Amino acid sequence: MAGRKKIEQLSHEELQEALAVHKAIERQRGGSSGGTSRPTYEIEVSHNDELFIINGEKFEAKTYCFNMEEGDRVIFLDGSALGACATATLLNLRTKDKCEVWCE
């Protein structure tokens, strides 16, 4: 691997630069989608296992959606990330749990 370094060999500055490039690529792609072609969205706000802000839109759990935390990435299996829906089904990519929500 001439001219290449392992991650453990990177200086702090090199590591920060590599992470910045990775994040920029992920944003451009719509995030890591866990092997699907669907875009992912970050849970911006998670309150009391029942209220979520995703993509700037408000979603309310039909019952409760446990372990859905701010910063988790989700994909919409049904419904719309734009909130243009009556209901939606989310898949949390960290926990692999599904969550049924009302679109507001």
PDB file of N, CA and C in Angstrom:
ATOM      1  N   MET A   1       0.829  -1.181   0.000  1.00  0.00           N
ATOM      2  CA  MET A   1       0.000   0.000   0.000  1.00  0.00           C
ATOM      3  C   MET A   1       0.874   1.245   0.000  1.00  0.00           C
ATOM      4  N   ALA A   2       1.682   1.358  -1.007  1.00  0.00           N
ATOM      5  CA  ALA A   2       2.575   2.501  -1.097  1.00  0.00           C
ATOM      6  C   ALA A   2       1.779   3.796  -1.166  1.00  0.00           C
ATOM      7  N   GLY A   3       2.170   4.775  -0.345  1.00  0.00           N
ATOM      8  CA  GLY A   3       1.520   6.073  -0.359  1.00  0.00           C
ATOM      9  C   GLY A   3       0.197   6.122   0.391  1.00  0.00           C
ATOM     10  N   ARG A   4      -0.190   5.051   1.057  1.00  0.00           N
ATOM     11  CA  ARG A   4      -1.450   5.016   1.801  1.00  0.00           C
ATOM     12  C   ARG A   4      -1.167   4.782   3.271  1.00  0.00           C
ATOM     13  N   LYS A   5      -2.051   5.325   4.102  1.00  0.00           N
ATOM     14  CA  LYS A   5      -1.938   5.138   5.546  1.00  0.00           C
ATOM     15  C   LYS A   5      -3.177   4.434   6.063  1.00  0.00           C
ATOM     16  N   LYS A   6      -2.982   3.666   7.107  1.00  0.00           N
ATOM     17  CA  LYS A   6      -4.122   3.106   7.818  1.00  0.00           C
ATOM     18  C   LYS A   6      -4.672   4.208   8.721  1.00  0.00           C
ATOM     19  N   ILE A   7      -5.928   4.079   9.113  1.00  0.00           N
ATOM     20  CA  ILE A   7      -6.560   5.127   9.918  1.00  0.00           C
ATOM     21  C   ILE A   7      -5.784   5.402  11.200  1.00  0.00           C
ATOM     22  N   GLU A   8      -5.183   4.364  11.769  1.00  0.00           N
ATOM     23  CA  GLU A   8      -4.410   4.536  12.999  1.00  0.00           C
ATOM     24  C   GLU A   8      -3.160   5.383  12.792  1.00  0.00           C
ATOM     25  N   GLN A   9      -2.707   5.488  11.549  1.00  0.00           N
ATOM     26  CA  GLN A   9      -1.499   6.229  11.237  1.00  0.00           C
ATOM     27  C   GLN A   9      -1.757   7.700  10.906  1.00  0.00           C
ATOM     28  N   LEU A  10      -3.017   8.098  10.789  1.00  0.00           N
ATOM     29  CA  LEU A  10      -3.335   9.478  10.434  1.00  0.00           C
ATOM     30  C   LEU A  10      -3.099  10.413  11.618  1.00  0.00           C
ATOM     31  N   SER A  11      -2.609  11.583  11.305  1.00  0.00           N
ATOM     32  CA  SER A  11      -2.495  12.615  12.334  1.00  0.00           C
ATOM     33  C   SER A  11      -3.902  13.124  12.652  1.00  0.00           C
ATOM     34  N   HIS A  12      -4.027  13.872  13.726  1.00  0.00           N
ATOM     35  CA  HIS A  12      -5.326  14.429  14.102  1.00  0.00           C
ATOM     36  C   HIS A  12      -5.897  15.281  12.973  1.00  0.00           C
ATOM     37  N   GLU A  13      -5.063  16.103  12.367  1.00  0.00           N
ATOM     38  CA  GLU A  13      -5.511  16.974  11.274  1.00  0.00           C
ATOM     39  C   GLU A  13      -5.954  16.161  10.060  1.00  0.00           C
ATOM     40  N   GLU A  14      -5.195  15.117   9.721  1.00  0.00           N
ATOM     41  CA  GLU A  14      -5.556  14.275   8.584  1.00  0.00           C
ATOM     42  C   GLU A  14      -6.880  13.549   8.845  1.00  0.00           C
ATOM     43  N   LEU A  15      -7.063  13.085  10.073  1.00  0.00           N
ATOM     44  CA  LEU A  15      -8.295  12.389  10.434  1.00  0.00           C
ATOM     45  C   LEU A  15      -9.487  13.337  10.329  1.00  0.00           C
ATOM     46  N   GLN A  16      -9.355  14.554  10.833  1.00  0.00           N
ATOM     47  CA  GLN A  16     -10.431  15.538  10.757  1.00  0.00           C
ATOM     48  C   GLN A  16     -10.781  15.852   9.297  1.00  0.00           C
ATOM     49  N   GLU A  17      -9.773  15.977   8.462  1.00  0.00           N
ATOM     50  CA  GLU A  17     -10.001  16.255   7.042  1.00  0.00           C
ATOM     51  C   GLU A  17     -10.716  15.084   6.373  1.00  0.00           C
ATOM     52  N   ALA A  18     -10.286  13.868   6.674  1.00  0.00           N
ATOM     53  CA  ALA A  18     -10.933  12.686   6.094  1.00  0.00           C
ATOM     54  C   ALA A  18     -12.390  12.591   6.536  1.00  0.00           C
ATOM     55  N   LEU A  19     -12.667  12.875   7.797  1.00  0.00           N
ATOM     56  CA  LEU A  19     -14.043  12.845   8.292  1.00  0.00           C
ATOM     57  C   LEU A  19     -14.890  13.921   7.629  1.00  0.00           C
ATOM     58  N   ALA A  20     -14.334  15.096   7.438  1.00  0.00           N
ATOM     59  CA  ALA A  20     -15.071  16.187   6.775  1.00  0.00           C
ATOM     60  C   ALA A  20     -15.432  15.803   5.341  1.00  0.00           C
ATOM     61  N   VAL A  21     -14.492  15.182   4.629  1.00  0.00           N
ATOM     62  CA  VAL A  21     -14.760  14.749   3.257  1.00  0.00           C
ATOM     63  C   VAL A  21     -15.840  13.670   3.255  1.00  0.00           C
ATOM     64  N   HIS A  22     -15.743  12.721   4.177  1.00  0.00           N
ATOM     65  CA  HIS A  22     -16.740  11.645   4.273  1.00  0.00           C
ATOM     66  C   HIS A  22     -18.131  12.217   4.538  1.00  0.00           C
ATOM     67  N   LYS A  23     -18.238  13.148   5.488  1.00  0.00           N
ATOM     68  CA  LYS A  23     -19.534  13.758   5.807  1.00  0.00           C
ATOM     69  C   LYS A  23     -20.100  14.517   4.614  1.00  0.00           C
ATOM     70  N   ALA A  24     -19.245  15.223   3.888  1.00  0.00           N
ATOM     71  CA  ALA A  24     -19.700  15.966   2.710  1.00  0.00           C
ATOM     72  C   ALA A  24     -20.245  15.017   1.647  1.00  0.00           C
ATOM     73  N   ILE A  25     -19.589  13.899   1.442  1.00  0.00           N
ATOM     74  CA  ILE A  25     -20.048  12.906   0.470  1.00  0.00           C
ATOM     75  C   ILE A  25     -21.379  12.327   0.916  1.00  0.00           C
ATOM     76  N   GLU A  26     -21.517  11.999   2.203  1.00  0.00           N
ATOM     77  CA  GLU A  26     -22.767  11.447   2.728  1.00  0.00           C
ATOM     78  C   GLU A  26     -23.916  12.441   2.573  1.00  0.00           C
ATOM     79  N   ARG A  27     -23.669  13.725   2.859  1.00  0.00           N
ATOM     80  CA  ARG A  27     -24.717  14.746   2.695  1.00  0.00           C
ATOM     81  C   ARG A  27     -25.146  14.829   1.239  1.00  0.00           C
ATOM     82  N   GLN A  28     -24.179  14.768   0.343  1.00  0.00           N
ATOM     83  CA  GLN A  28     -24.472  14.857  -1.084  1.00  0.00           C
ATOM     84  C   GLN A  28     -25.307  13.664  -1.539  1.00  0.00           C
ATOM     85  N   ARG A  29     -25.060  12.513  -0.968  1.00  0.00           N
ATOM     86  CA  ARG A  29     -25.798  11.299  -1.319  1.00  0.00           C
ATOM     87  C   ARG A  29     -27.121  11.185  -0.578  1.00  0.00           C
ATOM     88  N   GLY A  30     -27.357  12.053   0.407  1.00  0.00           N
ATOM     89  CA  GLY A  30     -28.552  11.935   1.233  1.00  0.00           C
ATOM     90  C   GLY A  30     -28.314  11.043   2.422  1.00  0.00           C
ATOM     91  N   GLY A  31     -27.071  10.793   2.753  1.00  0.00           N
ATOM     92  CA  GLY A  31     -26.746   9.991   3.929  1.00  0.00           C
ATOM     93  C   GLY A  31     -26.537   8.544   3.578  1.00  0.00           C
ATOM     94  N   SER A  32     -26.030   7.816   4.536  1.00  0.00           N
ATOM     95  CA  SER A  32     -25.839   6.386   4.375  1.00  0.00           C
ATOM     96  C   SER A  32     -27.191   5.710   4.462  1.00  0.00           C
ATOM     97  N   SER A  33     -27.527   4.881   3.532  1.00  0.00           N
ATOM     98  CA  SER A  33     -28.858   4.303   3.489  1.00  0.00           C
ATOM     99  C   SER A  33     -28.886   2.823   3.839  1.00  0.00           C
ATOM    100  N   GLY A  34     -27.847   2.340   4.466  1.00  0.00           N
ATOM    101  CA  GLY A  34     -27.876   0.959   4.921  1.00  0.00           C
ATOM    102  C   GLY A  34     -28.024  -0.046   3.791  1.00  0.00           C
ATOM    103  N   GLY A  35     -27.508   0.266   2.599  1.00  0.00           N
ATOM    104  CA  GLY A  35     -27.568  -0.666   1.496  1.00  0.00           C
ATOM    105  C   GLY A  35     -28.814  -0.509   0.642  1.00  0.00           C
ATOM    106  N   THR A  36     -29.659   0.468   0.920  1.00  0.00           N
ATOM    107  CA  THR A  36     -30.827   0.697   0.087  1.00  0.00           C
ATOM    108  C   THR A  36     -30.581   1.925  -0.765  1.00  0.00           C
ATOM    109  N   SER A  37     -31.444   2.124  -1.751  1.00  0.00           N
ATOM    110  CA  SER A  37     -31.315   3.312  -2.583  1.00  0.00           C
ATOM    111  C   SER A  37     -32.155   4.461  -2.034  1.00  0.00           C
ATOM    112  N   ARG A  38     -32.832   4.256  -0.919  1.00  0.00           N
ATOM    113  CA  ARG A  38     -33.657   5.294  -0.319  1.00  0.00           C
ATOM    114  C   ARG A  38     -32.792   6.276   0.455  1.00  0.00           C
ATOM    115  N   PRO A  39     -33.169   7.544   0.411  1.00  0.00           N
ATOM    116  CA  PRO A  39     -32.411   8.521   1.205  1.00  0.00           C
ATOM    117  C   PRO A  39     -32.665   8.323   2.692  1.00  0.00           C
ATOM    118  N   THR A  40     -31.699   8.717   3.488  1.00  0.00           N
ATOM    119  CA  THR A  40     -31.854   8.642   4.938  1.00  0.00           C
ATOM    120  C   THR A  40     -32.043  10.038   5.486  1.00  0.00           C
ATOM    121  N   TYR A  41     -32.642  10.093   6.655  1.00  0.00           N
ATOM    122  CA  TYR A  41     -32.914  11.361   7.314  1.00  0.00           C
ATOM    123  C   TYR A  41     -32.531  11.242   8.777  1.00  0.00           C
ATOM    124  N   GLU A  42     -32.012  12.329   9.315  1.00  0.00           N
ATOM    125  CA  GLU A  42     -31.607  12.357  10.716  1.00  0.00           C
ATOM    126  C   GLU A  42     -32.791  12.752  11.589  1.00  0.00           C
ATOM    127  N   ILE A  43     -32.931  12.085  12.737  1.00  0.00           N
ATOM    128  CA  ILE A  43     -33.907  12.506  13.727  1.00  0.00           C
ATOM    129  C   ILE A  43     -33.324  13.741  14.394  1.00  0.00           C
ATOM    130  N   GLU A  44     -33.927  14.882  14.124  1.00  0.00           N
ATOM    131  CA  GLU A  44     -33.426  16.152  14.646  1.00  0.00           C
ATOM    132  C   GLU A  44     -33.854  16.363  16.084  1.00  0.00           C
ATOM    133  N   VAL A  45     -35.084  15.935  16.417  1.00  0.00           N
ATOM    134  CA  VAL A  45     -35.618  16.042  17.772  1.00  0.00           C
ATOM    135  C   VAL A  45     -36.353  14.754  18.076  1.00  0.00           C
ATOM    136  N   SER A  46     -36.137  14.222  19.273  1.00  0.00           N
ATOM    137  CA  SER A  46     -36.870  13.060  19.762  1.00  0.00           C
ATOM    138  C   SER A  46     -37.336  13.398  21.168  1.00  0.00           C
ATOM    139  N   HIS A  47     -38.663  13.400  21.366  1.00  0.00           N
ATOM    140  CA  HIS A  47     -39.202  13.786  22.670  1.00  0.00           C
ATOM    141  C   HIS A  47     -40.162  12.720  23.184  1.00  0.00           C
ATOM    142  N   ASN A  48     -39.831  12.164  24.360  1.00  0.00           N
ATOM    143  CA  ASN A  48     -40.731  11.274  25.097  1.00  0.00           C
ATOM    144  C   ASN A  48     -41.179  10.057  24.287  1.00  0.00           C
ATOM    145  N   ASP A  49     -40.349   9.559  23.388  1.00  0.00           N
ATOM    146  CA  ASP A  49     -40.643   8.371  22.568  1.00  0.00           C
ATOM    147  C   ASP A  49     -41.896   8.516  21.706  1.00  0.00           C
ATOM    148  N   GLU A  50     -42.380   9.763  21.527  1.00  0.00           N
ATOM    149  CA  GLU A  50     -43.616   9.910  20.761  1.00  0.00           C
ATOM    150  C   GLU A  50     -43.668  11.110  19.823  1.00  0.00           C
ATOM    151  N   LEU A  51     -42.723  12.026  19.912  1.00  0.00           N
ATOM    152  CA  LEU A  51     -42.706  13.177  19.016  1.00  0.00           C
ATOM    153  C   LEU A  51     -41.324  13.283  18.390  1.00  0.00           C
ATOM    154  N   PHE A  52     -41.313  13.415  17.060  1.00  0.00           N
ATOM    155  CA  PHE A  52     -40.050  13.453  16.337  1.00  0.00           C
ATOM    156  C   PHE A  52     -40.072  14.559  15.295  1.00  0.00           C
ATOM    157  N   ILE A  53     -38.945  15.239  15.141  1.00  0.00           N
ATOM    158  CA  ILE A  53     -38.756  16.183  14.047  1.00  0.00           C
ATOM    159  C   ILE A  53     -37.714  15.546  13.134  1.00  0.00           C
ATOM    160  N   ILE A  54     -38.135  15.324  11.896  1.00  0.00           N
ATOM    161  CA  ILE A  54     -37.276  14.705  10.887  1.00  0.00           C
ATOM    162  C   ILE A  54     -37.419  15.527   9.619  1.00  0.00           C
ATOM    163  N   ASN A  55     -36.306  15.931   9.042  1.00  0.00           N
ATOM    164  CA  ASN A  55     -36.324  16.733   7.824  1.00  0.00           C
ATOM    165  C   ASN A  55     -37.141  18.017   8.019  1.00  0.00           C
ATOM    166  N   GLY A  56     -37.120  18.542   9.244  1.00  0.00           N
ATOM    167  CA  GLY A  56     -37.843  19.761   9.552  1.00  0.00           C
ATOM    168  C   GLY A  56     -39.345  19.584   9.710  1.00  0.00           C
ATOM    169  N   GLU A  57     -39.825  18.346   9.644  1.00  0.00           N
ATOM    170  CA  GLU A  57     -41.256  18.057   9.741  1.00  0.00           C
ATOM    171  C   GLU A  57     -41.558  17.316  11.042  1.00  0.00           C
ATOM    172  N   LYS A  58     -42.770  17.507  11.545  1.00  0.00           N
ATOM    173  CA  LYS A  58     -43.191  16.900  12.810  1.00  0.00           C
ATOM    174  C   LYS A  58     -43.909  15.578  12.537  1.00  0.00           C
ATOM    175  N   PHE A  59     -43.520  14.531  13.289  1.00  0.00           N
ATOM    176  CA  PHE A  59     -44.143  13.222  13.215  1.00  0.00           C
ATOM    177  C   PHE A  59     -44.466  12.775  14.635  1.00  0.00           C
ATOM    178  N   GLU A  60     -45.653  12.177  14.822  1.00  0.00           N
ATOM    179  CA  GLU A  60     -46.073  11.726  16.148  1.00  0.00           C
ATOM    180  C   GLU A  60     -46.303  10.222  16.104  1.00  0.00           C
ATOM    181  N   ALA A  61     -45.728   9.503  17.078  1.00  0.00           N
ATOM    182  CA  ALA A  61     -45.854   8.048  17.134  1.00  0.00           C
ATOM    183  C   ALA A  61     -47.314   7.650  17.309  1.00  0.00           C
ATOM    184  N   LYS A  62     -47.731   6.599  16.618  1.00  0.00           N
ATOM    185  CA  LYS A  62     -49.098   6.098  16.793  1.00  0.00           C
ATOM    186  C   LYS A  62     -49.273   5.550  18.204  1.00  0.00           C
ATOM    187  N   THR A  63     -48.266   4.887  18.730  1.00  0.00           N
ATOM    188  CA  THR A  63     -48.260   4.450  20.128  1.00  0.00           C
ATOM    189  C   THR A  63     -47.011   5.051  20.759  1.00  0.00           C
ATOM    190  N   TYR A  64     -45.943   4.290  20.802  1.00  0.00           N
ATOM    191  CA  TYR A  64     -44.638   4.779  21.244  1.00  0.00           C
ATOM    192  C   TYR A  64     -43.586   4.184  20.325  1.00  0.00           C
ATOM    193  N   CYS A  65     -42.525   4.924  20.105  1.00  0.00           N
ATOM    194  CA  CYS A  65     -41.385   4.441  19.324  1.00  0.00           C
ATOM    195  C   CYS A  65     -40.170   4.512  20.241  1.00  0.00           C
ATOM    196  N   PHE A  66     -39.925   3.423  20.943  1.00  0.00           N
ATOM    197  CA  PHE A  66     -38.838   3.385  21.910  1.00  0.00           C
ATOM    198  C   PHE A  66     -37.482   3.348  21.213  1.00  0.00           C
ATOM    199  N   ASN A  67     -36.499   3.981  21.844  1.00  0.00           N
ATOM    200  CA  ASN A  67     -35.106   3.941  21.405  1.00  0.00           C
ATOM    201  C   ASN A  67     -34.882   4.641  20.065  1.00  0.00           C
ATOM    202  N   MET A  68     -35.685   5.653  19.778  1.00  0.00           N
ATOM    203  CA  MET A  68     -35.477   6.499  18.597  1.00  0.00           C
ATOM    204  C   MET A  68     -34.846   7.784  19.123  1.00  0.00           C
ATOM    205  N   GLU A  69     -33.558   7.945  18.912  1.00  0.00           N
ATOM    206  CA  GLU A  69     -32.819   9.034  19.534  1.00  0.00           C
ATOM    207  C   GLU A  69     -32.404  10.098  18.526  1.00  0.00           C
ATOM    208  N   GLU A  70     -32.223  11.321  19.031  1.00  0.00           N
ATOM    209  CA  GLU A  70     -31.698  12.397  18.193  1.00  0.00           C
ATOM    210  C   GLU A  70     -30.379  11.938  17.587  1.00  0.00           C
ATOM    211  N   GLY A  71     -30.211  12.222  16.315  1.00  0.00           N
ATOM    212  CA  GLY A  71     -28.987  11.817  15.611  1.00  0.00           C
ATOM    213  C   GLY A  71     -29.117  10.497  14.891  1.00  0.00           C
ATOM    214  N   ASP A  72     -30.094   9.654  15.281  1.00  0.00           N
ATOM    215  CA  ASP A  72     -30.311   8.399  14.561  1.00  0.00           C
ATOM    216  C   ASP A  72     -30.740   8.708  13.137  1.00  0.00           C
ATOM    217  N   ARG A  73     -30.376   7.829  12.226  1.00  0.00           N
ATOM    218  CA  ARG A  73     -30.785   7.983  10.831  1.00  0.00           C
ATOM    219  C   ARG A  73     -31.923   7.008  10.568  1.00  0.00           C
ATOM    220  N   VAL A  74     -32.912   7.476   9.794  1.00  0.00           N
ATOM    221  CA  VAL A  74     -34.071   6.663   9.461  1.00  0.00           C
ATOM    222  C   VAL A  74     -34.327   6.720   7.962  1.00  0.00           C
ATOM    223  N   ILE A  75     -35.010   5.701   7.468  1.00  0.00           N
ATOM    224  CA  ILE A  75     -35.543   5.745   6.111  1.00  0.00           C
ATOM    225  C   ILE A  75     -37.058   5.617   6.222  1.00  0.00           C
ATOM    226  N   PHE A  76     -37.749   6.176   5.257  1.00  0.00           N
ATOM    227  CA  PHE A  76     -39.199   6.097   5.203  1.00  0.00           C
ATOM    228  C   PHE A  76     -39.581   4.895   4.342  1.00  0.00           C
ATOM    229  N   LEU A  77     -40.152   3.873   4.974  1.00  0.00           N
ATOM    230  CA  LEU A  77     -40.626   2.705   4.239  1.00  0.00           C
ATOM    231  C   LEU A  77     -41.956   3.018   3.568  1.00  0.00           C
ATOM    232  N   ASP A  78     -42.784   3.808   4.243  1.00  0.00           N
ATOM    233  CA  ASP A  78     -44.055   4.319   3.722  1.00  0.00           C
ATOM    234  C   ASP A  78     -44.162   5.771   4.143  1.00  0.00           C
ATOM    235  N   GLY A  79     -44.939   6.541   3.420  1.00  0.00           N
ATOM    236  CA  GLY A  79     -45.135   7.934   3.794  1.00  0.00           C
ATOM    237  C   GLY A  79     -44.074   8.827   3.181  1.00  0.00           C
ATOM    238  N   SER A  80     -44.042  10.061   3.665  1.00  0.00           N
ATOM    239  CA  SER A  80     -43.181  11.071   3.057  1.00  0.00           C
ATOM    240  C   SER A  80     -42.369  11.817   4.099  1.00  0.00           C
ATOM    241  N   ALA A  81     -41.094  11.988   3.817  1.00  0.00           N
ATOM    242  CA  ALA A  81     -40.222  12.782   4.686  1.00  0.00           C
ATOM    243  C   ALA A  81     -40.592  14.252   4.631  1.00  0.00           C
ATOM    244  N   LEU A  82     -41.432  14.626   3.696  1.00  0.00           N
ATOM    245  CA  LEU A  82     -41.883  16.011   3.570  1.00  0.00           C
ATOM    246  C   LEU A  82     -43.129  16.261   4.411  1.00  0.00           C
ATOM    247  N   GLY A  83     -43.616  15.227   5.104  1.00  0.00           N
ATOM    248  CA  GLY A  83     -44.804  15.369   5.926  1.00  0.00           C
ATOM    249  C   GLY A  83     -46.089  15.335   5.123  1.00  0.00           C
ATOM    250  N   ALA A  84     -45.997  15.100   3.824  1.00  0.00           N
ATOM    251  CA  ALA A  84     -47.165  15.063   2.948  1.00  0.00           C
ATOM    252  C   ALA A  84     -47.777  13.669   2.958  1.00  0.00           C
ATOM    253  N   CYS A  85     -48.327  13.288   4.120  1.00  0.00           N
ATOM    254  CA  CYS A  85     -48.890  11.960   4.279  1.00  0.00           C
ATOM    255  C   CYS A  85     -49.797  11.956   5.498  1.00  0.00           C
ATOM    256  N   ALA A  86     -50.632  10.936   5.623  1.00  0.00           N
ATOM    257  CA  ALA A  86     -51.447  10.769   6.832  1.00  0.00           C
ATOM    258  C   ALA A  86     -50.662   9.964   7.858  1.00  0.00           C
ATOM    259  N   THR A  87     -50.007   8.899   7.385  1.00  0.00           N
ATOM    260  CA  THR A  87     -49.181   8.073   8.256  1.00  0.00           C
ATOM    261  C   THR A  87     -47.888   7.732   7.522  1.00  0.00           C
ATOM    262  N   ALA A  88     -46.911   7.271   8.298  1.00  0.00           N
ATOM    263  CA  ALA A  88     -45.639   6.848   7.715  1.00  0.00           C
ATOM    264  C   ALA A  88     -45.066   5.717   8.558  1.00  0.00           C
ATOM    265  N   THR A  89     -44.220   4.924   7.929  1.00  0.00           N
ATOM    266  CA  THR A  89     -43.478   3.884   8.631  1.00  0.00           C
ATOM    267  C   THR A  89     -42.000   4.204   8.486  1.00  0.00           C
ATOM    268  N   LEU A  90     -41.338   4.339   9.631  1.00  0.00           N
ATOM    269  CA  LEU A  90     -39.909   4.652   9.659  1.00  0.00           C
ATOM    270  C   LEU A  90     -39.121   3.413  10.031  1.00  0.00           C
ATOM    271  N   LEU A  91     -37.914   3.310   9.498  1.00  0.00           N
ATOM    272  CA  LEU A  91     -36.978   2.262   9.906  1.00  0.00           C
ATOM    273  C   LEU A  91     -35.754   2.944  10.482  1.00  0.00           C
ATOM    274  N   ASN A  92     -35.489   2.694  11.752  1.00  0.00           N
ATOM    275  CA  ASN A  92     -34.309   3.239  12.418  1.00  0.00           C
ATOM    276  C   ASN A  92     -33.114   2.387  11.992  1.00  0.00           C
ATOM    277  N   LEU A  93     -32.141   2.996  11.339  1.00  0.00           N
ATOM    278  CA  LEU A  93     -30.998   2.237  10.826  1.00  0.00           C
ATOM    279  C   LEU A  93     -30.046   1.787  11.929  1.00  0.00           C
ATOM    280  N   ARG A  94     -30.079   2.439  13.092  1.00  0.00           N
ATOM    281  CA  ARG A  94     -29.228   2.017  14.203  1.00  0.00           C
ATOM    282  C   ARG A  94     -29.794   0.774  14.883  1.00  0.00           C
ATOM    283  N   THR A  95     -31.094   0.793  15.172  1.00  0.00           N
ATOM    284  CA  THR A  95     -31.700  -0.305  15.932  1.00  0.00           C
ATOM    285  C   THR A  95     -32.380  -1.344  15.050  1.00  0.00           C
ATOM    286  N   LYS A  96     -32.635  -0.978  13.791  1.00  0.00           N
ATOM    287  CA  LYS A  96     -33.385  -1.810  12.836  1.00  0.00           C
ATOM    288  C   LYS A  96     -34.846  -1.984  13.249  1.00  0.00           C
ATOM    289  N   ASP A  97     -35.356  -1.109  14.140  1.00  0.00           N
ATOM    290  CA  ASP A  97     -36.745  -1.146  14.571  1.00  0.00           C
ATOM    291  C   ASP A  97     -37.594  -0.274  13.651  1.00  0.00           C
ATOM    292  N   LYS A  98     -38.849  -0.708  13.450  1.00  0.00           N
ATOM    293  CA  LYS A  98     -39.810   0.083  12.682  1.00  0.00           C
ATOM    294  C   LYS A  98     -40.649   0.904  13.642  1.00  0.00           C
ATOM    295  N   CYS A  99     -41.135   2.031  13.154  1.00  0.00           N
ATOM    296  CA  CYS A  99     -41.943   2.937  13.951  1.00  0.00           C
ATOM    297  C   CYS A  99     -43.078   3.467  13.091  1.00  0.00           C
ATOM    298  N   GLU A 100     -44.308   3.321  13.571  1.00  0.00           N
ATOM    299  CA  GLU A 100     -45.475   3.848  12.872  1.00  0.00           C
ATOM    300  C   GLU A 100     -45.777   5.229  13.432  1.00  0.00           C
ATOM    301  N   VAL A 101     -45.899   6.222  12.545  1.00  0.00           N
ATOM    302  CA  VAL A 101     -46.127   7.593  12.975  1.00  0.00           C
ATOM    303  C   VAL A 101     -47.272   8.237  12.197  1.00  0.00           C
ATOM    304  N   TRP A 102     -47.828   9.279  12.811  1.00  0.00           N
ATOM    305  CA  TRP A 102     -48.774  10.153  12.142  1.00  0.00           C
ATOM    306  C   TRP A 102     -47.968  11.307  11.555  1.00  0.00           C
ATOM    307  N   CYS A 103     -48.314  11.708  10.357  1.00  0.00           N
ATOM    308  CA  CYS A 103     -47.675  12.877   9.753  1.00  0.00           C
ATOM    309  C   CYS A 103     -48.474  14.108  10.166  1.00  0.00           C
ATOM    310  N   GLU A 104     -47.796  15.180  10.536  1.00  0.00           N
ATOM    311  CA  GLU A 104     -48.494  16.391  11.005  1.00  0.00           C
ATOM    312  C   GLU A 104     -48.617  17.387   9.877  1.00  0.00           C
TER     313      GLU A 104
END
